[in-house]
Amino acid sequence: MRTLFFAALLPVLAVGWAAYAKDDEGCTRAPKEQWLSTEQLKAKLTEQGFTVSKVEIEDGCAEADAKAKDGKETELHLDPATGNVVENDD
C-alpha cells in the first residue's frame, strides 16, 4: 500500500519541482550586457500603446506597471534582453 502511495506521489513532486525550477530562471537567459535599460523598455512599451508608470529589473525579469490602451491597469513581465512581454498580470 505504501509503495502505491509513493508511486502516485512521485509524478506530483516531479511536476512541482519542474514548475519551481522554471520560475527560478527569470525571464531571460541572456547575459546582463545584452539587457535593455529601463528607459529602453519603457519606450518599447509606449510604442505598443501602454502608458508606463514604473519599470524595474529584478531576478532576471523586468516588471512594468502600465495602463493599456483600454485604460486597464496591468503588471507586465518582460524579457529584459528583448523587451518582449512574457506574462501579463491584469
Protein backbone atom coordinates (compact mmCIF):
# COMPACT_ATOMS: atom_id res chain seq x y z
CA MET A 1 0.00 0.00 0.00
CA ARG A 2 2.82 2.39 0.86
CA THR A 3 4.54 1.63 -2.43
CA LEU A 4 1.39 2.57 -4.32
CA PHE A 5 1.12 5.84 -2.39
CA PHE A 6 4.72 6.83 -3.15
CA ALA A 7 4.38 5.76 -6.78
CA ALA A 8 1.36 8.05 -7.11
CA LEU A 9 3.12 10.89 -5.31
CA LEU A 10 6.26 10.85 -7.46
CA PRO A 11 4.74 12.46 -10.61
CA VAL A 12 3.16 15.21 -8.49
CA LEU A 13 6.52 16.06 -6.94
CA ALA A 14 8.28 15.97 -10.31
CA VAL A 15 5.81 18.42 -11.86
CA GLY A 16 6.01 20.71 -8.84
CA TRP A 17 9.80 20.72 -8.91
CA ALA A 18 9.86 21.46 -12.66
CA ALA A 19 7.50 24.40 -12.18
CA TYR A 20 9.64 25.73 -9.33
CA ALA A 21 12.81 25.46 -11.42
CA LYS A 22 11.17 27.30 -14.33
CA ASP A 23 10.04 30.16 -12.07
CA ASP A 24 13.56 30.45 -10.69
CA GLU A 25 15.06 31.06 -14.15
CA GLY A 26 13.67 34.57 -14.62
CA CYS A 27 12.52 35.83 -18.00
CA THR A 28 15.76 35.52 -19.96
CA ARG A 29 18.96 33.58 -20.22
CA ALA A 30 20.77 36.42 -22.00
CA PRO A 31 23.77 37.95 -20.21
CA LYS A 32 23.21 41.28 -18.47
CA GLU A 33 25.37 43.03 -21.06
CA GLN A 34 22.61 42.38 -23.61
CA TRP A 35 19.75 43.69 -21.46
CA LEU A 36 17.91 46.87 -22.37
CA SER A 37 17.82 49.74 -19.89
CA THR A 38 14.62 50.50 -18.01
CA GLU A 39 14.20 53.60 -20.22
CA GLN A 40 14.52 51.49 -23.38
CA LEU A 41 11.97 49.00 -22.02
CA LYS A 42 9.60 51.85 -21.15
CA ALA A 43 9.97 53.31 -24.67
CA LYS A 44 9.26 49.92 -26.25
CA LEU A 45 6.05 49.53 -24.22
CA THR A 46 5.00 53.11 -25.01
CA GLU A 47 5.39 52.31 -28.73
CA GLN A 48 2.94 49.43 -28.18
CA GLY A 49 0.34 51.79 -26.71
CA PHE A 50 0.94 51.34 -22.99
CA THR A 51 1.20 54.20 -20.52
CA VAL A 52 4.03 53.09 -18.23
CA SER A 53 4.34 54.34 -14.65
CA LYS A 54 7.25 52.17 -13.44
CA VAL A 55 9.81 49.69 -14.80
CA GLU A 56 12.28 47.73 -12.69
CA ILE A 57 14.53 44.76 -13.33
CA GLU A 58 14.84 42.09 -10.67
CA ASP A 59 15.96 38.44 -10.71
CA GLY A 60 16.40 38.29 -14.49
CA CYS A 61 12.97 39.70 -15.25
CA ALA A 62 11.75 43.21 -15.99
CA GLU A 63 8.46 44.24 -14.41
CA ALA A 64 6.39 47.17 -15.59
CA ASP A 65 3.32 48.79 -14.06
CA ALA A 66 1.33 50.08 -17.00
CA LYS A 67 -2.07 51.06 -18.33
CA ALA A 68 -3.27 49.50 -21.59
CA LYS A 69 -4.95 51.42 -24.42
CA ASP A 70 -8.35 50.50 -22.96
CA GLY A 71 -7.38 52.08 -19.61
CA LYS A 72 -6.96 48.76 -17.78
CA GLU A 73 -4.14 48.68 -15.17
CA THR A 74 -1.71 45.78 -15.60
CA GLU A 75 1.64 44.43 -14.46
CA LEU A 76 3.79 43.16 -17.30
CA HIS A 77 6.74 40.80 -17.01
CA LEU A 78 9.29 41.37 -19.76
CA ASP A 79 12.36 39.69 -21.15
CA PRO A 80 14.96 42.38 -20.33
CA ALA A 81 17.05 41.48 -23.39
CA THR A 82 14.27 41.84 -25.97
CA GLY A 83 11.50 43.76 -24.22
CA ASN A 84 9.01 41.06 -25.20
CA VAL A 85 6.11 40.52 -22.78
CA VAL A 86 6.37 37.05 -21.22
CA GLU A 87 3.49 37.42 -18.73
CA ASN A 88 0.62 39.84 -18.26
CA ASP A 89 -0.91 40.04 -14.76
CA ASP A 90 -4.05 42.05 -15.31
